[in-house]
Amino acid sequence: MRPVGVYLDREALEILDRVRERLARELGVGERHVSRSMAVKYLYNLSRVKLESSS
């Protein structure tokens, strides 16, 4: 898969950083081991599960 550049504003970056911190704690790893891309995928999967359960 080719990387795609996306512009994120400051608020979006702050949200992703909070998600990275939370995900790192859940996984028991350092925050540097959780990329922003992983945080986006994690949020996507959470939303997908929530949408499927509400259907």
N, C-alpha and C. Protein backbone atom coordinates (compact mmCIF):
# COMPACT_ATOMS: atom_id res chain seq x y z
N MET A 1 0.85 -1.17 0.00
CA MET A 1 0.00 0.00 0.00
C MET A 1 0.89 1.24 0.00
N ARG A 2 0.60 2.16 -0.87
CA ARG A 2 1.40 3.38 -0.97
C ARG A 2 0.99 4.38 0.09
N PRO A 3 1.95 5.05 0.71
CA PRO A 3 1.60 6.09 1.68
C PRO A 3 0.93 7.28 0.99
N VAL A 4 -0.01 7.88 1.68
CA VAL A 4 -0.74 9.03 1.15
C VAL A 4 -0.58 10.18 2.14
N GLY A 5 -0.20 11.33 1.64
CA GLY A 5 -0.06 12.50 2.49
C GLY A 5 -1.42 13.15 2.73
N VAL A 6 -1.70 13.45 3.98
CA VAL A 6 -2.97 14.08 4.34
C VAL A 6 -2.68 15.23 5.29
N TYR A 7 -3.30 16.37 5.05
CA TYR A 7 -3.14 17.51 5.94
C TYR A 7 -4.13 17.37 7.10
N LEU A 8 -3.63 17.47 8.32
CA LEU A 8 -4.47 17.44 9.51
C LEU A 8 -4.27 18.73 10.28
N ASP A 9 -5.35 19.34 10.72
CA ASP A 9 -5.20 20.55 11.50
C ASP A 9 -4.75 20.22 12.92
N ARG A 10 -4.48 21.24 13.69
CA ARG A 10 -3.92 21.07 15.03
C ARG A 10 -4.84 20.25 15.93
N GLU A 11 -6.13 20.51 15.85
CA GLU A 11 -7.09 19.78 16.69
C GLU A 11 -7.08 18.29 16.36
N ALA A 12 -7.04 17.96 15.07
CA ALA A 12 -7.00 16.55 14.66
C ALA A 12 -5.73 15.88 15.15
N LEU A 13 -4.61 16.58 15.07
CA LEU A 13 -3.35 16.02 15.55
C LEU A 13 -3.38 15.79 17.05
N GLU A 14 -4.00 16.70 17.80
CA GLU A 14 -4.11 16.54 19.25
C GLU A 14 -4.97 15.32 19.58
N ILE A 15 -6.06 15.13 18.84
CA ILE A 15 -6.92 13.96 19.05
C ILE A 15 -6.14 12.68 18.77
N LEU A 16 -5.42 12.66 17.66
CA LEU A 16 -4.64 11.47 17.33
C LEU A 16 -3.57 11.19 18.37
N ASP A 17 -2.95 12.23 18.91
CA ASP A 17 -1.93 12.02 19.94
C ASP A 17 -2.54 11.44 21.21
N ARG A 18 -3.76 11.89 21.57
CA ARG A 18 -4.43 11.32 22.75
C ARG A 18 -4.79 9.86 22.51
N VAL A 19 -5.24 9.55 21.29
CA VAL A 19 -5.56 8.16 20.95
C VAL A 19 -4.30 7.31 20.98
N ARG A 20 -3.19 7.84 20.48
CA ARG A 20 -1.91 7.11 20.52
C ARG A 20 -1.52 6.80 21.95
N GLU A 21 -1.65 7.77 22.85
CA GLU A 21 -1.31 7.55 24.25
C GLU A 21 -2.16 6.45 24.85
N ARG A 22 -3.47 6.52 24.60
CA ARG A 22 -4.40 5.53 25.15
C ARG A 22 -4.11 4.14 24.59
N LEU A 23 -3.90 4.06 23.28
CA LEU A 23 -3.63 2.78 22.65
C LEU A 23 -2.31 2.19 23.16
N ALA A 24 -1.32 3.01 23.33
CA ALA A 24 -0.03 2.54 23.85
C ALA A 24 -0.21 1.97 25.26
N ARG A 25 -0.99 2.66 26.10
CA ARG A 25 -1.25 2.14 27.45
C ARG A 25 -1.97 0.81 27.39
N GLU A 26 -2.99 0.70 26.53
CA GLU A 26 -3.74 -0.55 26.40
C GLU A 26 -2.84 -1.71 25.94
N LEU A 27 -1.91 -1.40 25.04
CA LEU A 27 -1.03 -2.43 24.51
C LEU A 27 0.19 -2.68 25.39
N GLY A 28 0.44 -1.79 26.34
CA GLY A 28 1.59 -1.93 27.22
C GLY A 28 2.91 -1.66 26.53
N VAL A 29 2.89 -0.74 25.58
CA VAL A 29 4.11 -0.37 24.85
C VAL A 29 4.32 1.14 24.97
N GLY A 30 5.50 1.58 24.56
CA GLY A 30 5.77 3.01 24.55
C GLY A 30 5.02 3.70 23.42
N GLU A 31 4.69 4.96 23.63
CA GLU A 31 3.94 5.72 22.63
C GLU A 31 4.67 5.78 21.29
N ARG A 32 5.99 5.74 21.33
CA ARG A 32 6.75 5.82 20.08
C ARG A 32 6.55 4.58 19.20
N HIS A 33 5.99 3.50 19.79
CA HIS A 33 5.73 2.29 19.02
C HIS A 33 4.35 2.30 18.38
N VAL A 34 3.56 3.34 18.66
CA VAL A 34 2.22 3.46 18.07
C VAL A 34 2.23 4.68 17.15
N SER A 35 2.07 4.43 15.86
CA SER A 35 2.10 5.53 14.90
C SER A 35 0.74 6.21 14.80
N ARG A 36 0.72 7.37 14.20
CA ARG A 36 -0.55 8.06 13.96
C ARG A 36 -1.42 7.23 13.02
N SER A 37 -0.77 6.55 12.10
CA SER A 37 -1.51 5.69 11.18
C SER A 37 -2.23 4.58 11.96
N MET A 38 -1.56 3.99 12.93
CA MET A 38 -2.19 2.97 13.77
C MET A 38 -3.37 3.55 14.53
N ALA A 39 -3.22 4.78 15.01
CA ALA A 39 -4.30 5.43 15.75
C ALA A 39 -5.52 5.64 14.85
N VAL A 40 -5.29 6.03 13.60
CA VAL A 40 -6.39 6.22 12.65
C VAL A 40 -7.08 4.89 12.38
N LYS A 41 -6.30 3.83 12.19
CA LYS A 41 -6.88 2.50 11.94
C LYS A 41 -7.67 2.01 13.15
N TYR A 42 -7.17 2.28 14.34
CA TYR A 42 -7.85 1.91 15.57
C TYR A 42 -9.21 2.62 15.66
N LEU A 43 -9.22 3.92 15.39
CA LEU A 43 -10.48 4.68 15.42
C LEU A 43 -11.45 4.18 14.35
N TYR A 44 -10.93 3.86 13.19
CA TYR A 44 -11.78 3.34 12.11
C TYR A 44 -12.43 2.03 12.54
N ASN A 45 -11.64 1.12 13.11
CA ASN A 45 -12.19 -0.16 13.54
C ASN A 45 -13.21 0.00 14.66
N LEU A 46 -12.97 0.93 15.57
CA LEU A 46 -13.95 1.18 16.63
C LEU A 46 -15.26 1.68 16.04
N SER A 47 -15.18 2.58 15.09
CA SER A 47 -16.40 3.12 14.49
C SER A 47 -17.13 2.06 13.67
N ARG A 48 -16.38 1.21 12.99
CA ARG A 48 -16.99 0.15 12.19
C ARG A 48 -17.75 -0.84 13.08
N VAL A 49 -17.15 -1.22 14.19
CA VAL A 49 -17.79 -2.14 15.12
C VAL A 49 -19.05 -1.50 15.69
N LYS A 50 -18.96 -0.23 16.03
CA LYS A 50 -20.13 0.46 16.58
C LYS A 50 -21.26 0.56 15.56
N LEU A 51 -20.92 0.86 14.31
CA LEU A 51 -21.92 0.94 13.26
C LEU A 51 -22.57 -0.42 13.00
N GLU A 52 -21.78 -1.48 13.00
CA GLU A 52 -22.31 -2.81 12.76
C GLU A 52 -23.23 -3.26 13.90
N SER A 53 -22.89 -2.89 15.11
CA SER A 53 -23.72 -3.30 16.24
C SER A 53 -25.01 -2.52 16.33
N SER A 54 -25.04 -1.32 15.73
CA SER A 54 -26.27 -0.51 15.77
C SER A 54 -27.22 -0.86 14.63
N SER A 55 -26.75 -1.64 13.67
CA SER A 55 -27.60 -2.01 12.52
C SER A 55 -28.58 -3.11 12.87
